[in-house]
Amino acid sequence: MDENQVEGAFKTAAGRVQDAAGALSGDPGMQAEGKFRQASGRVQAGLGDAVNEMGHRIEEQPLVALMIAGAVGFALGILVGRH
């Protein structure tokens, strides 16, 4: 498991607890923070999933990954060189 997946899952769980605590105490600010933390955790976990999937794709097709990286580097070089 990727570090982002673990941290994202933890943030999502902490956000659920904070959301529930805000609902029980009647504190809408705490609820909103909990919902934001949940969303942030889901995004971070999704990033971890994407990184993990990218790693698998690179292992399966290293030549394609190398060609894509070269094309991106070439395009960035052209864009930066236009100044």
N, C-alpha and C. Protein backbone atom coordinates (compact mmCIF):
# COMPACT_ATOMS: atom_id res chain seq x y z
N MET A 1 0.83 -1.19 0.00
CA MET A 1 0.00 0.00 0.00
C MET A 1 0.87 1.24 0.00
N ASP A 2 0.47 2.23 -0.74
CA ASP A 2 1.19 3.49 -0.86
C ASP A 2 0.95 4.34 0.39
N GLU A 3 1.92 5.19 0.72
CA GLU A 3 1.80 6.07 1.89
C GLU A 3 0.58 6.98 1.78
N ASN A 4 0.30 7.47 0.57
CA ASN A 4 -0.86 8.33 0.37
C ASN A 4 -2.17 7.57 0.61
N GLN A 5 -2.20 6.30 0.25
CA GLN A 5 -3.40 5.50 0.49
C GLN A 5 -3.67 5.37 1.99
N VAL A 6 -2.61 5.12 2.75
CA VAL A 6 -2.76 4.97 4.21
C VAL A 6 -3.17 6.28 4.85
N GLU A 7 -2.47 7.36 4.51
CA GLU A 7 -2.81 8.66 5.09
C GLU A 7 -4.21 9.10 4.68
N GLY A 8 -4.58 8.83 3.44
CA GLY A 8 -5.91 9.19 2.97
C GLY A 8 -7.00 8.45 3.70
N ALA A 9 -6.78 7.15 3.94
CA ALA A 9 -7.76 6.37 4.68
C ALA A 9 -7.88 6.88 6.11
N PHE A 10 -6.75 7.25 6.72
CA PHE A 10 -6.78 7.78 8.08
C PHE A 10 -7.53 9.11 8.14
N LYS A 11 -7.25 10.01 7.17
CA LYS A 11 -7.95 11.30 7.14
C LYS A 11 -9.45 11.12 6.93
N THR A 12 -9.81 10.18 6.06
CA THR A 12 -11.23 9.93 5.81
C THR A 12 -11.92 9.46 7.09
N ALA A 13 -11.29 8.52 7.80
CA ALA A 13 -11.87 8.02 9.05
C ALA A 13 -11.95 9.12 10.09
N ALA A 14 -10.89 9.92 10.21
CA ALA A 14 -10.89 11.02 11.19
C ALA A 14 -11.96 12.04 10.84
N GLY A 15 -12.16 12.29 9.56
CA GLY A 15 -13.21 13.22 9.14
C GLY A 15 -14.59 12.72 9.47
N ARG A 16 -14.81 11.41 9.34
CA ARG A 16 -16.11 10.84 9.71
C ARG A 16 -16.38 11.03 11.19
N VAL A 17 -15.35 10.79 12.00
CA VAL A 17 -15.50 10.95 13.45
C VAL A 17 -15.79 12.41 13.77
N GLN A 18 -15.04 13.32 13.16
CA GLN A 18 -15.25 14.74 13.41
C GLN A 18 -16.63 15.19 12.94
N ASP A 19 -17.08 14.70 11.81
CA ASP A 19 -18.41 15.03 11.30
C ASP A 19 -19.48 14.55 12.27
N ALA A 20 -19.34 13.32 12.76
CA ALA A 20 -20.31 12.78 13.71
C ALA A 20 -20.29 13.54 15.03
N ALA A 21 -19.10 13.91 15.49
CA ALA A 21 -18.99 14.67 16.74
C ALA A 21 -19.65 16.04 16.58
N GLY A 22 -19.46 16.65 15.42
CA GLY A 22 -20.09 17.94 15.16
C GLY A 22 -21.60 17.83 15.11
N ALA A 23 -22.10 16.73 14.54
CA ALA A 23 -23.55 16.52 14.48
C ALA A 23 -24.13 16.30 15.87
N LEU A 24 -23.42 15.53 16.70
CA LEU A 24 -23.91 15.26 18.05
C LEU A 24 -23.88 16.51 18.92
N SER A 25 -22.85 17.34 18.76
CA SER A 25 -22.73 18.54 19.59
C SER A 25 -23.47 19.73 19.00
N GLY A 26 -23.97 19.58 17.79
CA GLY A 26 -24.68 20.69 17.14
C GLY A 26 -23.74 21.78 16.65
N ASP A 27 -22.51 21.43 16.34
CA ASP A 27 -21.51 22.39 15.89
C ASP A 27 -21.33 22.26 14.37
N PRO A 28 -21.97 23.14 13.59
CA PRO A 28 -21.88 23.02 12.14
C PRO A 28 -20.46 23.26 11.61
N GLY A 29 -19.67 24.07 12.31
CA GLY A 29 -18.29 24.31 11.89
C GLY A 29 -17.46 23.04 11.97
N MET A 30 -17.65 22.30 13.06
CA MET A 30 -16.93 21.05 13.23
C MET A 30 -17.38 20.03 12.19
N GLN A 31 -18.67 20.03 11.90
CA GLN A 31 -19.19 19.12 10.87
C GLN A 31 -18.57 19.45 9.52
N ALA A 32 -18.51 20.73 9.19
CA ALA A 32 -17.94 21.15 7.91
C ALA A 32 -16.47 20.75 7.82
N GLU A 33 -15.72 20.93 8.92
CA GLU A 33 -14.31 20.52 8.93
C GLU A 33 -14.20 19.01 8.73
N GLY A 34 -15.10 18.27 9.34
CA GLY A 34 -15.09 16.82 9.18
C GLY A 34 -15.37 16.40 7.75
N LYS A 35 -16.33 17.06 7.13
CA LYS A 35 -16.65 16.75 5.73
C LYS A 35 -15.47 17.11 4.82
N PHE A 36 -14.82 18.24 5.10
CA PHE A 36 -13.66 18.64 4.31
C PHE A 36 -12.53 17.63 4.49
N ARG A 37 -12.30 17.19 5.73
CA ARG A 37 -11.24 16.22 5.99
C ARG A 37 -11.54 14.89 5.27
N GLN A 38 -12.82 14.50 5.27
CA GLN A 38 -13.19 13.28 4.54
C GLN A 38 -12.87 13.41 3.06
N ALA A 39 -13.26 14.53 2.47
CA ALA A 39 -13.02 14.74 1.05
C ALA A 39 -11.52 14.78 0.75
N SER A 40 -10.77 15.44 1.61
CA SER A 40 -9.33 15.52 1.45
C SER A 40 -8.70 14.12 1.53
N GLY A 41 -9.19 13.32 2.45
CA GLY A 41 -8.69 11.96 2.59
C GLY A 41 -8.99 11.11 1.38
N ARG A 42 -10.19 11.26 0.83
CA ARG A 42 -10.54 10.49 -0.37
C ARG A 42 -9.67 10.89 -1.56
N VAL A 43 -9.39 12.19 -1.68
CA VAL A 43 -8.53 12.66 -2.78
C VAL A 43 -7.11 12.10 -2.60
N GLN A 44 -6.59 12.16 -1.37
CA GLN A 44 -5.25 11.65 -1.13
C GLN A 44 -5.16 10.14 -1.37
N ALA A 45 -6.18 9.41 -0.94
CA ALA A 45 -6.20 7.97 -1.20
C ALA A 45 -6.27 7.69 -2.70
N GLY A 46 -7.04 8.48 -3.41
CA GLY A 46 -7.11 8.34 -4.87
C GLY A 46 -5.77 8.61 -5.53
N LEU A 47 -5.04 9.60 -5.02
CA LEU A 47 -3.70 9.87 -5.53
C LEU A 47 -2.80 8.67 -5.30
N GLY A 48 -2.90 8.07 -4.12
CA GLY A 48 -2.12 6.88 -3.83
C GLY A 48 -2.46 5.74 -4.77
N ASP A 49 -3.75 5.58 -5.06
CA ASP A 49 -4.17 4.54 -6.01
C ASP A 49 -3.57 4.79 -7.39
N ALA A 50 -3.59 6.07 -7.81
CA ALA A 50 -3.06 6.41 -9.13
C ALA A 50 -1.56 6.16 -9.20
N VAL A 51 -0.83 6.53 -8.14
CA VAL A 51 0.61 6.30 -8.11
C VAL A 51 0.90 4.81 -8.15
N ASN A 52 0.14 4.06 -7.39
CA ASN A 52 0.32 2.61 -7.36
C ASN A 52 0.05 2.00 -8.74
N GLU A 53 -1.02 2.42 -9.38
CA GLU A 53 -1.36 1.92 -10.71
C GLU A 53 -0.30 2.31 -11.73
N MET A 54 0.20 3.54 -11.63
CA MET A 54 1.25 4.00 -12.55
C MET A 54 2.49 3.13 -12.38
N GLY A 55 2.85 2.79 -11.16
CA GLY A 55 4.00 1.93 -10.92
C GLY A 55 3.83 0.57 -11.57
N HIS A 56 2.64 0.01 -11.48
CA HIS A 56 2.38 -1.28 -12.11
C HIS A 56 2.47 -1.18 -13.63
N ARG A 57 1.94 -0.09 -14.19
CA ARG A 57 1.99 0.09 -15.65
C ARG A 57 3.43 0.23 -16.13
N ILE A 58 4.24 0.95 -15.36
CA ILE A 58 5.64 1.14 -15.75
C ILE A 58 6.37 -0.19 -15.71
N GLU A 59 6.08 -1.02 -14.70
CA GLU A 59 6.71 -2.33 -14.61
C GLU A 59 6.30 -3.23 -15.78
N GLU A 60 5.04 -3.12 -16.19
CA GLU A 60 4.53 -3.96 -17.27
C GLU A 60 5.05 -3.51 -18.64
N GLN A 61 5.15 -2.19 -18.86
CA GLN A 61 5.54 -1.67 -20.16
C GLN A 61 6.57 -0.55 -20.01
N PRO A 62 7.79 -0.89 -19.65
CA PRO A 62 8.80 0.15 -19.39
C PRO A 62 9.16 0.97 -20.63
N LEU A 63 9.16 0.36 -21.81
CA LEU A 63 9.52 1.11 -23.02
C LEU A 63 8.48 2.19 -23.32
N VAL A 64 7.21 1.85 -23.18
CA VAL A 64 6.15 2.84 -23.42
C VAL A 64 6.27 3.98 -22.40
N ALA A 65 6.53 3.63 -21.14
CA ALA A 65 6.68 4.66 -20.10
C ALA A 65 7.86 5.57 -20.42
N LEU A 66 8.96 5.00 -20.88
CA LEU A 66 10.13 5.79 -21.23
C LEU A 66 9.83 6.73 -22.40
N MET A 67 9.11 6.24 -23.39
CA MET A 67 8.76 7.08 -24.54
C MET A 67 7.83 8.22 -24.13
N ILE A 68 6.89 7.95 -23.25
CA ILE A 68 5.98 9.00 -22.77
C ILE A 68 6.76 10.05 -21.99
N ALA A 69 7.65 9.59 -21.10
CA ALA A 69 8.46 10.53 -20.32
C ALA A 69 9.33 11.39 -21.23
N GLY A 70 9.89 10.79 -22.28
CA GLY A 70 10.70 11.56 -23.23
C GLY A 70 9.88 12.59 -23.97
N ALA A 71 8.67 12.21 -24.38
CA ALA A 71 7.80 13.15 -25.09
C ALA A 71 7.39 14.31 -24.19
N VAL A 72 7.08 14.01 -22.93
CA VAL A 72 6.72 15.08 -21.99
C VAL A 72 7.91 16.01 -21.77
N GLY A 73 9.10 15.42 -21.59
CA GLY A 73 10.30 16.24 -21.41
C GLY A 73 10.58 17.12 -22.63
N PHE A 74 10.40 16.57 -23.82
CA PHE A 74 10.60 17.33 -25.04
C PHE A 74 9.61 18.49 -25.12
N ALA A 75 8.34 18.21 -24.83
CA ALA A 75 7.31 19.26 -24.87
C ALA A 75 7.60 20.36 -23.85
N LEU A 76 8.01 19.97 -22.64
CA LEU A 76 8.35 20.98 -21.63
C LEU A 76 9.56 21.80 -22.06
N GLY A 77 10.52 21.15 -22.68
CA GLY A 77 11.69 21.87 -23.18
C GLY A 77 11.32 22.92 -24.22
N ILE A 78 10.40 22.57 -25.09
CA ILE A 78 9.94 23.53 -26.10
C ILE A 78 9.21 24.69 -25.44
N LEU A 79 8.33 24.39 -24.49
CA LEU A 79 7.57 25.44 -23.83
C LEU A 79 8.46 26.37 -23.02
N VAL A 80 9.42 25.82 -22.32
CA VAL A 80 10.31 26.64 -21.50
C VAL A 80 11.27 27.44 -22.39
N GLY A 81 11.69 26.88 -23.49
CA GLY A 81 12.62 27.54 -24.39
C GLY A 81 12.04 28.69 -25.17
N ARG A 82 10.75 28.90 -25.12
CA ARG A 82 10.09 29.97 -25.90
C ARG A 82 10.28 31.36 -25.27
N HIS A 83 10.80 31.42 -24.08
CA HIS A 83 10.96 32.74 -23.43
C HIS A 83 11.98 33.51 -24.09
